[in-house]
C-alpha cells in the first residue's frame, strides 16, 4: 500500500506554513476511509505523563502504530492505533502516548476560540514526537463543527451507538477540512499569539514564566507582555493562573487524584499554595468545589 504521507517532508515543515501539507494529509486520510474509532471518556485518573487539556481532540493515525493509554469509564485501556484509525478524546478526558513504535499522526484540537491542527511523528521506539508543522483556524469553530463535536461527545460512552459515532466522526473530519480551507486571514502577530498560547498549553504543568515563553518562542519578554495585554486583555501572570485553575477544575472533577497530584500537574509548587490560589480565584476551596 502506498504510504499516505511522505514523512520526510515533515522535517522540512515549519511553524505557520503547514496548511498545504495538513490539508493534503487530511484528504488522503479521508480517501482511504476512516477505520476504527477509539473513544476516550470517563473518570479514570490520568497518569503523570498524560496529555491533559480543556478541549476536545481528535488523533488521526496517519502511518505506523500509535499506542496510547486512554480512559473508558473508570478503566484505562491501551489501544494501538494503526493507519486510518482515530482516537476521539472528550474534553474531560486525556491520553497518555507510550512512544512504543514509529508513527505519524495528526491531532485536531478544538479550542473555544480557535482550532489547532498539528502533524507530528516519531522515528522509532523510545523517541518522543517533535512538532512537524502546525496550522490554525483563528476563530471559534463554526456552528456545524460545534454541533458535530457535541453529538460525538454524547455518543462516546454508548457502545451500542458505535456505528453512529463512526459516521459522525467521519463527518467531523470533513468539516475540519472545510474549516481549514477557509481560515480567517492571520497577521504575523496573530500567528505569533497562537504559537505562544499553544506553547503555554503544552507546558502549563512546568514552572514557566515570561522569560521561558520568550526563549521558547524566540521573542523579547516585553513583546510577550504586549501580546497578552492586546490579545488577552490581561497580564501574563493572570492568564497563566486562569489557565491553571481551569485545568485544575477539570482534574478535580475526576475525583481520583490527591490534592498534591492536581497541584503538581497544574504547575503549582505545593498543595497549600494551590488551595490558596484556587480559593482566591473561585471563592471556595478545591475540596468544597468538588
C-alpha atoms as a PDB file:
ATOM      1  CA  UNK A   1       0.000   0.000   0.000  1.00  0.00           C
ATOM      2  CA  UNK A   2       1.269   3.476  -0.850  1.00  0.00           C
ATOM      3  CA  UNK A   3       2.363   5.497   2.147  1.00  0.00           C
ATOM      4  CA  UNK A   4      -0.197   8.204   2.882  1.00  0.00           C
ATOM      5  CA  UNK A   5       2.259  10.999   3.520  1.00  0.00           C
ATOM      6  CA  UNK A   6       5.945  11.442   2.815  1.00  0.00           C
ATOM      7  CA  UNK A   7       7.225  11.514   6.387  1.00  0.00           C
ATOM      8  CA  UNK A   8      10.456  13.008   5.115  1.00  0.00           C
ATOM      9  CA  UNK A   9       8.518  16.170   4.292  1.00  0.00           C
ATOM     10  CA  UNK A  10       7.773  16.727   7.943  1.00  0.00           C
ATOM     11  CA  UNK A  11      11.375  17.600   8.765  1.00  0.00           C
ATOM     12  CA  UNK A  12      11.208  20.408   6.206  1.00  0.00           C
ATOM     13  CA  UNK A  13       7.960  21.865   7.528  1.00  0.00           C
ATOM     14  CA  UNK A  14       7.995  24.846   9.867  1.00  0.00           C
ATOM     15  CA  UNK A  15       5.531  26.520  12.182  1.00  0.00           C
ATOM     16  CA  UNK A  16       2.864  28.577  10.483  1.00  0.00           C
ATOM     17  CA  UNK A  17       3.214  27.153   6.964  1.00  0.00           C
ATOM     18  CA  UNK A  18       1.584  23.775   7.476  1.00  0.00           C
ATOM     19  CA  UNK A  19      -1.783  24.312   5.769  1.00  0.00           C
ATOM     20  CA  UNK A  20      -0.866  22.671   2.482  1.00  0.00           C
ATOM     21  CA  UNK A  21       0.711  19.569   3.991  1.00  0.00           C
ATOM     22  CA  UNK A  22      -2.007  19.176   6.624  1.00  0.00           C
ATOM     23  CA  UNK A  23      -4.798  19.544   4.061  1.00  0.00           C
ATOM     24  CA  UNK A  24      -3.071  17.028   1.795  1.00  0.00           C
ATOM     25  CA  UNK A  25      -2.795  14.601   4.703  1.00  0.00           C
ATOM     26  CA  UNK A  26      -6.456  15.054   5.675  1.00  0.00           C
ATOM     27  CA  UNK A  27      -7.692  14.479   2.130  1.00  0.00           C
ATOM     28  CA  UNK A  28      -5.637  11.295   1.809  1.00  0.00           C
ATOM     29  CA  UNK A  29      -6.872  10.120   5.196  1.00  0.00           C
ATOM     30  CA  UNK A  30     -10.496  10.591   4.088  1.00  0.00           C
ATOM     31  CA  UNK A  31      -9.888   9.000   0.692  1.00  0.00           C
ATOM     32  CA  UNK A  32      -8.655   5.871   2.431  1.00  0.00           C
ATOM     33  CA  UNK A  33     -11.710   5.767   4.686  1.00  0.00           C
ATOM     34  CA  UNK A  34     -11.986   6.006   8.445  1.00  0.00           C
ATOM     35  CA  UNK A  35     -11.309   2.660  10.146  1.00  0.00           C
ATOM     36  CA  UNK A  36     -11.639   2.139  13.911  1.00  0.00           C
ATOM     37  CA  UNK A  37     -12.753   4.853  16.332  1.00  0.00           C
ATOM     38  CA  UNK A  38     -11.426   4.598  19.900  1.00  0.00           C
ATOM     39  CA  UNK A  39     -13.437   6.768  22.334  1.00  0.00           C
ATOM     40  CA  UNK A  40     -11.673   8.300  25.335  1.00  0.00           C
ATOM     41  CA  UNK A  41     -14.021   9.328  28.125  1.00  0.00           C
ATOM     42  CA  UNK A  42     -14.710   8.754  31.811  1.00  0.00           C
ATOM     43  CA  UNK A  43     -13.319   9.388  35.266  1.00  0.00           C
ATOM     44  CA  UNK A  44     -10.120   7.304  35.348  1.00  0.00           C
ATOM     45  CA  UNK A  45      -7.291   9.431  36.719  1.00  0.00           C
ATOM     46  CA  UNK A  46      -4.594  10.406  34.197  1.00  0.00           C
ATOM     47  CA  UNK A  47      -1.037   9.083  34.619  1.00  0.00           C
ATOM     48  CA  UNK A  48       1.630  11.645  35.368  1.00  0.00           C
ATOM     49  CA  UNK A  49       2.848  11.846  31.752  1.00  0.00           C
ATOM     50  CA  UNK A  50      -0.639  12.085  30.220  1.00  0.00           C
ATOM     51  CA  UNK A  51      -1.693  14.911  27.913  1.00  0.00           C
ATOM     52  CA  UNK A  52      -4.410  16.840  29.745  1.00  0.00           C
ATOM     53  CA  UNK A  53      -6.249  19.753  28.143  1.00  0.00           C
ATOM     54  CA  UNK A  54      -9.579  21.508  28.444  1.00  0.00           C
ATOM     55  CA  UNK A  55     -10.577  20.817  24.864  1.00  0.00           C
ATOM     56  CA  UNK A  56     -11.917  18.046  22.666  1.00  0.00           C
ATOM     57  CA  UNK A  57      -9.257  16.411  20.489  1.00  0.00           C
ATOM     58  CA  UNK A  58      -9.097  14.036  17.549  1.00  0.00           C
ATOM     59  CA  UNK A  59      -5.940  11.981  16.993  1.00  0.00           C
ATOM     60  CA  UNK A  60      -5.762  10.616  13.457  1.00  0.00           C
ATOM     61  CA  UNK A  61      -3.307   7.786  12.872  1.00  0.00           C
ATOM     62  CA  UNK A  62      -1.557   8.607   9.586  1.00  0.00           C
ATOM     63  CA  UNK A  63       1.163   5.951   9.491  1.00  0.00           C
ATOM     64  CA  UNK A  64       2.896   3.434  11.748  1.00  0.00           C
ATOM     65  CA  UNK A  65       1.451   2.321  15.085  1.00  0.00           C
ATOM     66  CA  UNK A  66       0.373   4.786  17.764  1.00  0.00           C
ATOM     67  CA  UNK A  67      -0.005   3.117  21.155  1.00  0.00           C
ATOM     68  CA  UNK A  68      -1.506   5.138  23.989  1.00  0.00           C
ATOM     69  CA  UNK A  69      -3.407   4.842  27.236  1.00  0.00           C
ATOM     70  CA  UNK A  70      -6.883   6.355  27.356  1.00  0.00           C
ATOM     71  CA  UNK A  71      -9.773   6.292  29.868  1.00  0.00           C
ATOM     72  CA  UNK A  72     -13.029   4.461  29.283  1.00  0.00           C
ATOM     73  CA  UNK A  73     -15.381   4.976  32.235  1.00  0.00           C
ATOM     74  CA  UNK A  74     -13.303   4.157  35.359  1.00  0.00           C
ATOM     75  CA  UNK A  75     -10.881   1.916  33.464  1.00  0.00           C
ATOM     76  CA  UNK A  76      -7.707   2.607  31.487  1.00  0.00           C
ATOM     77  CA  UNK A  77      -7.133   0.793  28.192  1.00  0.00           C
ATOM     78  CA  UNK A  78      -4.087   0.839  25.889  1.00  0.00           C
ATOM     79  CA  UNK A  79      -5.131   0.548  22.229  1.00  0.00           C
ATOM     80  CA  UNK A  80      -2.681   0.649  19.327  1.00  0.00           C
ATOM     81  CA  UNK A  81      -3.932   2.890  16.534  1.00  0.00           C
ATOM     82  CA  UNK A  82      -2.963   1.896  13.010  1.00  0.00           C
ATOM     83  CA  UNK A  83      -3.235   3.756   9.734  1.00  0.00           C
ATOM     84  CA  UNK A  84      -6.764   5.110   9.287  1.00  0.00           C
ATOM     85  CA  UNK A  85      -7.769   4.759  12.949  1.00  0.00           C
ATOM     86  CA  UNK A  86      -8.967   7.617  15.143  1.00  0.00           C
ATOM     87  CA  UNK A  87      -8.951   8.362  18.857  1.00  0.00           C
ATOM     88  CA  UNK A  88     -11.763  10.729  19.894  1.00  0.00           C
ATOM     89  CA  UNK A  89     -10.865  12.373  23.210  1.00  0.00           C
ATOM     90  CA  UNK A  90     -13.635  14.019  25.217  1.00  0.00           C
ATOM     91  CA  UNK A  91     -12.829  17.457  26.637  1.00  0.00           C
ATOM     92  CA  UNK A  92     -12.923  15.930  30.128  1.00  0.00           C
ATOM     93  CA  UNK A  93     -10.625  13.036  29.167  1.00  0.00           C
ATOM     94  CA  UNK A  94      -6.911  12.598  28.402  1.00  0.00           C
ATOM     95  CA  UNK A  95      -4.440  10.396  26.552  1.00  0.00           C
ATOM     96  CA  UNK A  96      -1.009   9.089  27.512  1.00  0.00           C
ATOM     97  CA  UNK A  97       1.253   8.470  24.470  1.00  0.00           C
ATOM     98  CA  UNK A  98       3.542   5.495  25.051  1.00  0.00           C
ATOM     99  CA  UNK A  99       6.045   6.187  22.223  1.00  0.00           C
ATOM    100  CA  UNK A 100       6.481   2.472  21.576  1.00  0.00           C
ATOM    101  CA  UNK A 101       6.595   2.466  17.778  1.00  0.00           C
ATOM    102  CA  UNK A 102       7.483   4.735  14.875  1.00  0.00           C
ATOM    103  CA  UNK A 103       4.403   6.681  13.860  1.00  0.00           C
ATOM    104  CA  UNK A 104       2.966   9.738  12.194  1.00  0.00           C
ATOM    105  CA  UNK A 105      -0.244  11.300  13.493  1.00  0.00           C
ATOM    106  CA  UNK A 106      -2.382  14.397  13.107  1.00  0.00           C
ATOM    107  CA  UNK A 107      -4.130  15.967  16.085  1.00  0.00           C
ATOM    108  CA  UNK A 108      -7.086  18.336  15.723  1.00  0.00           C
ATOM    109  CA  UNK A 109      -7.653  20.349  18.892  1.00  0.00           C
ATOM    110  CA  UNK A 110     -10.957  22.219  19.278  1.00  0.00           C
ATOM    111  CA  UNK A 111     -10.289  25.274  21.453  1.00  0.00           C
ATOM    112  CA  UNK A 112     -13.042  27.726  22.367  1.00  0.00           C
ATOM    113  CA  UNK A 113     -11.582  30.462  20.184  1.00  0.00           C
ATOM    114  CA  UNK A 114      -9.634  28.506  17.529  1.00  0.00           C
ATOM    115  CA  UNK A 115      -8.916  25.109  16.029  1.00  0.00           C
ATOM    116  CA  UNK A 116      -5.357  23.833  16.121  1.00  0.00           C
ATOM    117  CA  UNK A 117      -4.037  21.221  13.690  1.00  0.00           C
ATOM    118  CA  UNK A 118      -0.634  19.691  14.295  1.00  0.00           C
ATOM    119  CA  UNK A 119       1.152  16.939  12.423  1.00  0.00           C
ATOM    120  CA  UNK A 120       3.815  15.002  14.307  1.00  0.00           C
ATOM    121  CA  UNK A 121       5.984  11.934  14.010  1.00  0.00           C
ATOM    122  CA  UNK A 122       8.353   9.703  15.958  1.00  0.00           C
ATOM    123  CA  UNK A 123      11.263   7.966  14.297  1.00  0.00           C
ATOM    124  CA  UNK A 124      11.325   4.825  16.425  1.00  0.00           C
ATOM    125  CA  UNK A 125      10.781   3.185  19.829  1.00  0.00           C
ATOM    126  CA  UNK A 126      11.536   5.420  22.774  1.00  0.00           C
ATOM    127  CA  UNK A 127      11.639   8.657  20.790  1.00  0.00           C
ATOM    128  CA  UNK A 128       9.288  11.481  21.672  1.00  0.00           C
ATOM    129  CA  UNK A 129       7.358  13.325  18.961  1.00  0.00           C
ATOM    130  CA  UNK A 130       8.647  16.628  17.692  1.00  0.00           C
ATOM    131  CA  UNK A 131       6.323  19.181  16.159  1.00  0.00           C
ATOM    132  CA  UNK A 132       6.491  18.877  12.388  1.00  0.00           C
ATOM    133  CA  UNK A 133       4.010  21.558  11.374  1.00  0.00           C
ATOM    134  CA  UNK A 134       1.130  23.452  12.922  1.00  0.00           C
ATOM    135  CA  UNK A 135      -1.795  25.332  11.437  1.00  0.00           C
ATOM    136  CA  UNK A 136      -4.721  27.182  12.976  1.00  0.00           C
ATOM    137  CA  UNK A 137      -8.195  28.387  12.184  1.00  0.00           C
ATOM    138  CA  UNK A 138      -8.005  31.652  14.080  1.00  0.00           C
ATOM    139  CA  UNK A 139     -11.653  31.883  15.109  1.00  0.00           C
ATOM    140  CA  UNK A 140     -14.157  29.880  17.118  1.00  0.00           C
ATOM    141  CA  UNK A 141     -15.345  26.660  15.435  1.00  0.00           C
ATOM    142  CA  UNK A 142     -18.477  27.346  13.393  1.00  0.00           C
ATOM    143  CA  UNK A 143     -21.938  26.115  14.376  1.00  0.00           C
ATOM    144  CA  UNK A 144     -21.755  22.935  12.265  1.00  0.00           C
ATOM    145  CA  UNK A 145     -18.407  21.962  13.814  1.00  0.00           C
ATOM    146  CA  UNK A 146     -19.643  22.641  17.345  1.00  0.00           C
ATOM    147  CA  UNK A 147     -22.796  20.566  16.844  1.00  0.00           C
ATOM    148  CA  UNK A 148     -20.839  17.636  15.415  1.00  0.00           C
ATOM    149  CA  UNK A 149     -18.375  17.739  18.310  1.00  0.00           C
ATOM    150  CA  UNK A 150     -21.211  17.821  20.852  1.00  0.00           C
ATOM    151  CA  UNK A 151     -23.060  14.963  19.139  1.00  0.00           C
ATOM    152  CA  UNK A 152     -19.947  12.791  19.073  1.00  0.00           C
ATOM    153  CA  UNK A 153     -19.128  13.507  22.716  1.00  0.00           C
ATOM    154  CA  UNK A 154     -22.658  12.461  23.650  1.00  0.00           C
ATOM    155  CA  UNK A 155     -22.113   9.132  21.883  1.00  0.00           C
ATOM    156  CA  UNK A 156     -18.666   8.320  23.298  1.00  0.00           C
ATOM    157  CA  UNK A 157     -19.913   6.278  26.310  1.00  0.00           C
ATOM    158  CA  UNK A 158     -22.614   4.462  24.314  1.00  0.00           C
ATOM    159  CA  UNK A 159     -21.169   1.223  22.983  1.00  0.00           C
ATOM    160  CA  UNK A 160     -24.410   0.391  21.174  1.00  0.00           C
ATOM    161  CA  UNK A 161     -24.000   3.609  19.124  1.00  0.00           C
ATOM    162  CA  UNK A 162     -20.521   2.806  17.771  1.00  0.00           C
ATOM    163  CA  UNK A 163     -21.674   2.857  14.131  1.00  0.00           C
ATOM    164  CA  UNK A 164     -23.271   6.289  14.522  1.00  0.00           C
ATOM    165  CA  UNK A 165     -20.166   7.606  16.290  1.00  0.00           C
ATOM    166  CA  UNK A 166     -18.067   6.318  13.397  1.00  0.00           C
ATOM    167  CA  UNK A 167     -20.315   8.069  10.860  1.00  0.00           C
ATOM    168  CA  UNK A 168     -20.381  11.388  12.710  1.00  0.00           C
ATOM    169  CA  UNK A 169     -16.620  11.281  13.331  1.00  0.00           C
ATOM    170  CA  UNK A 170     -16.077  10.973   9.580  1.00  0.00           C
ATOM    171  CA  UNK A 171     -18.388  13.945   9.015  1.00  0.00           C
ATOM    172  CA  UNK A 172     -16.482  15.957  11.615  1.00  0.00           C
ATOM    173  CA  UNK A 173     -13.162  15.301   9.862  1.00  0.00           C
ATOM    174  CA  UNK A 174     -14.695  16.511   6.589  1.00  0.00           C
ATOM    175  CA  UNK A 175     -15.926  19.614   8.397  1.00  0.00           C
ATOM    176  CA  UNK A 176     -12.418  20.196   9.762  1.00  0.00           C
ATOM    177  CA  UNK A 177     -11.136  20.189   6.194  1.00  0.00           C
ATOM    178  CA  UNK A 178     -13.690  22.852   5.262  1.00  0.00           C
ATOM    179  CA  UNK A 179     -12.695  24.929   8.287  1.00  0.00           C
ATOM    180  CA  UNK A 180      -9.015  24.786   7.329  1.00  0.00           C
ATOM    181  CA  UNK A 181      -9.725  25.561   3.679  1.00  0.00           C
ATOM    182  CA  UNK A 182     -11.479  28.784   4.722  1.00  0.00           C
ATOM    183  CA  UNK A 183      -9.449  30.211   7.601  1.00  0.00           C
ATOM    184  CA  UNK A 184      -9.544  33.852   8.540  1.00  0.00           C
ATOM    185  CA  UNK A 185      -6.538  35.763   7.268  1.00  0.00           C
ATOM    186  CA  UNK A 186      -3.971  35.931  10.057  1.00  0.00           C
ATOM    187  CA  UNK A 187      -1.410  38.639  10.584  1.00  0.00           C
ATOM    188  CA  UNK A 188       2.128  37.764  11.563  1.00  0.00           C
ATOM    189  CA  UNK A 189       1.336  38.918  15.091  1.00  0.00           C
ATOM    190  CA  UNK A 190      -1.781  36.727  15.136  1.00  0.00           C
ATOM    191  CA  UNK A 191       0.322  33.690  14.243  1.00  0.00           C
ATOM    192  CA  UNK A 192       2.791  34.613  16.981  1.00  0.00           C
ATOM    193  CA  UNK A 193      -0.007  34.922  19.540  1.00  0.00           C
ATOM    194  CA  UNK A 194      -1.354  31.471  18.667  1.00  0.00           C
ATOM    195  CA  UNK A 195       2.120  29.990  18.877  1.00  0.00           C
ATOM    196  CA  UNK A 196       2.608  31.467  22.356  1.00  0.00           C
ATOM    197  CA  UNK A 197      -0.780  30.159  23.562  1.00  0.00           C
ATOM    198  CA  UNK A 198      -0.058  26.691  22.223  1.00  0.00           C
ATOM    199  CA  UNK A 199       3.341  26.562  23.921  1.00  0.00           C
ATOM    200  CA  UNK A 200       1.758  27.539  27.225  1.00  0.00           C
ATOM    201  CA  UNK A 201      -0.957  24.882  26.823  1.00  0.00           C
ATOM    202  CA  UNK A 202       1.739  22.248  26.350  1.00  0.00           C
ATOM    203  CA  UNK A 203       3.848  23.385  29.329  1.00  0.00           C
ATOM    204  CA  UNK A 204       1.266  24.506  31.864  1.00  0.00           C
ATOM    205  CA  UNK A 205       2.461  21.853  34.338  1.00  0.00           C
ATOM    206  CA  UNK A 206       6.001  23.274  34.283  1.00  0.00           C
ATOM    207  CA  UNK A 207       7.415  26.164  36.259  1.00  0.00           C
ATOM    208  CA  UNK A 208       7.034  28.642  33.416  1.00  0.00           C
ATOM    209  CA  UNK A 209       7.482  32.394  33.417  1.00  0.00           C
ATOM    210  CA  UNK A 210       7.563  35.158  30.854  1.00  0.00           C
ATOM    211  CA  UNK A 211      11.251  34.595  30.175  1.00  0.00           C
ATOM    212  CA  UNK A 212      10.782  30.891  29.457  1.00  0.00           C
ATOM    213  CA  UNK A 213       7.998  31.626  26.958  1.00  0.00           C
ATOM    214  CA  UNK A 214      10.114  34.321  25.313  1.00  0.00           C
ATOM    215  CA  UNK A 215      13.059  31.946  24.856  1.00  0.00           C
ATOM    216  CA  UNK A 216      10.883  29.093  23.547  1.00  0.00           C
ATOM    217  CA  UNK A 217       9.062  31.337  21.058  1.00  0.00           C
ATOM    218  CA  UNK A 218      12.115  33.468  20.114  1.00  0.00           C
ATOM    219  CA  UNK A 219      10.586  36.717  21.346  1.00  0.00           C
ATOM    220  CA  UNK A 220      11.626  39.527  23.684  1.00  0.00           C
ATOM    221  CA  UNK A 221       9.987  39.292  27.161  1.00  0.00           C
ATOM    222  CA  UNK A 222       8.494  42.758  26.722  1.00  0.00           C
ATOM    223  CA  UNK A 223       6.868  41.591  23.478  1.00  0.00           C
ATOM    224  CA  UNK A 224       5.249  38.756  25.437  1.00  0.00           C
ATOM    225  CA  UNK A 225       3.719  41.285  27.828  1.00  0.00           C
ATOM    226  CA  UNK A 226       2.388  43.404  24.962  1.00  0.00           C
ATOM    227  CA  UNK A 227       0.817  40.335  23.310  1.00  0.00           C
ATOM    228  CA  UNK A 228      -1.103  39.447  26.451  1.00  0.00           C
ATOM    229  CA  UNK A 229      -2.336  42.979  27.029  1.00  0.00           C
ATOM    230  CA  UNK A 230      -3.544  43.221  23.424  1.00  0.00           C
ATOM    231  CA  UNK A 231      -4.967  39.724  22.764  1.00  0.00           C
ATOM    232  CA  UNK A 232      -5.999  38.521  26.233  1.00  0.00           C
ATOM    233  CA  UNK A 233      -6.700  41.846  27.895  1.00  0.00           C
ATOM    234  CA  UNK A 234      -4.783  40.779  30.981  1.00  0.00           C
ATOM    235  CA  UNK A 235      -1.303  40.389  32.375  1.00  0.00           C
ATOM    236  CA  UNK A 236       0.802  37.346  31.519  1.00  0.00           C
ATOM    237  CA  UNK A 237       0.735  36.001  35.082  1.00  0.00           C
ATOM    238  CA  UNK A 238      -3.054  36.401  35.328  1.00  0.00           C
ATOM    239  CA  UNK A 239      -3.530  34.419  32.105  1.00  0.00           C
ATOM    240  CA  UNK A 240      -1.288  31.614  33.397  1.00  0.00           C
ATOM    241  CA  UNK A 241      -3.198  31.461  36.676  1.00  0.00           C
ATOM    242  CA  UNK A 242      -6.550  31.401  34.869  1.00  0.00           C
ATOM    243  CA  UNK A 243      -5.439  28.527  32.634  1.00  0.00           C
ATOM    244  CA  UNK A 244      -4.014  26.551  35.547  1.00  0.00           C
ATOM    245  CA  UNK A 245      -7.205  26.893  37.563  1.00  0.00           C
ATOM    246  CA  UNK A 246      -9.278  25.785  34.552  1.00  0.00           C
ATOM    247  CA  UNK A 247      -7.125  22.665  34.218  1.00  0.00           C
ATOM    248  CA  UNK A 248      -7.318  22.031  37.964  1.00  0.00           C
ATOM    249  CA  UNK A 249     -11.119  22.128  37.879  1.00  0.00           C
ATOM    250  CA  UNK A 250     -11.084  19.516  35.152  1.00  0.00           C
ATOM    251  CA  UNK A 251      -8.759  17.240  37.114  1.00  0.00           C
ATOM    252  CA  UNK A 252     -10.756  17.726  40.298  1.00  0.00           C
ATOM    253  CA  UNK A 253     -13.919  16.645  38.506  1.00  0.00           C
ATOM    254  CA  UNK A 254     -12.493  13.125  38.090  1.00  0.00           C
ATOM    255  CA  UNK A 255     -12.345  12.758  41.878  1.00  0.00           C
ATOM    256  CA  UNK A 256      -9.470  10.284  41.630  1.00  0.00           C
ATOM    257  CA  UNK A 257      -6.437  12.456  42.320  1.00  0.00           C
ATOM    258  CA  UNK A 258      -4.919  13.647  45.574  1.00  0.00           C
ATOM    259  CA  UNK A 259      -4.667  17.398  46.039  1.00  0.00           C
ATOM    260  CA  UNK A 260      -0.883  17.386  45.630  1.00  0.00           C
ATOM    261  CA  UNK A 261      -1.214  15.498  42.339  1.00  0.00           C
ATOM    262  CA  UNK A 262      -3.668  18.075  40.989  1.00  0.00           C
ATOM    263  CA  UNK A 263      -1.392  20.887  42.150  1.00  0.00           C
ATOM    264  CA  UNK A 264       1.735  19.472  40.521  1.00  0.00           C
ATOM    265  CA  UNK A 265       0.007  18.708  37.214  1.00  0.00           C
ATOM    266  CA  UNK A 266      -1.189  22.296  37.012  1.00  0.00           C
ATOM    267  CA  UNK A 267       2.161  23.887  37.759  1.00  0.00           C
ATOM    268  CA  UNK A 268       1.670  24.788  41.439  1.00  0.00           C
ATOM    269  CA  UNK A 269       4.617  24.239  43.766  1.00  0.00           C
ATOM    270  CA  UNK A 270       2.579  22.788  46.640  1.00  0.00           C
ATOM    271  CA  UNK A 271      -0.932  21.719  47.580  1.00  0.00           C
ATOM    272  CA  UNK A 272      -1.147  24.574  50.080  1.00  0.00           C
ATOM    273  CA  UNK A 273      -0.279  27.206  47.503  1.00  0.00           C
ATOM    274  CA  UNK A 274      -2.699  25.643  45.026  1.00  0.00           C
ATOM    275  CA  UNK A 275      -5.546  25.768  47.577  1.00  0.00           C
ATOM    276  CA  UNK A 276      -4.775  29.403  48.377  1.00  0.00           C
ATOM    277  CA  UNK A 277      -4.821  30.466  44.716  1.00  0.00           C
ATOM    278  CA  UNK A 278      -7.898  28.364  43.948  1.00  0.00           C
ATOM    279  CA  UNK A 279      -9.908  29.905  46.792  1.00  0.00           C
ATOM    280  CA  UNK A 280      -8.855  33.408  45.749  1.00  0.00           C
ATOM    281  CA  UNK A 281      -9.935  32.788  42.132  1.00  0.00           C
ATOM    282  CA  UNK A 282     -13.065  30.671  42.628  1.00  0.00           C
ATOM    283  CA  UNK A 283     -14.298  31.699  46.074  1.00  0.00           C
ATOM    284  CA  UNK A 284     -14.104  28.263  47.710  1.00  0.00           C
ATOM    285  CA  UNK A 285     -11.511  25.606  48.413  1.00  0.00           C
ATOM    286  CA  UNK A 286     -10.851  22.831  45.890  1.00  0.00           C
ATOM    287  CA  UNK A 287     -12.360  20.321  48.306  1.00  0.00           C
ATOM    288  CA  UNK A 288     -15.620  22.277  48.570  1.00  0.00           C
ATOM    289  CA  UNK A 289     -15.718  22.869  44.808  1.00  0.00           C
ATOM    290  CA  UNK A 290     -15.526  19.122  44.143  1.00  0.00           C
END
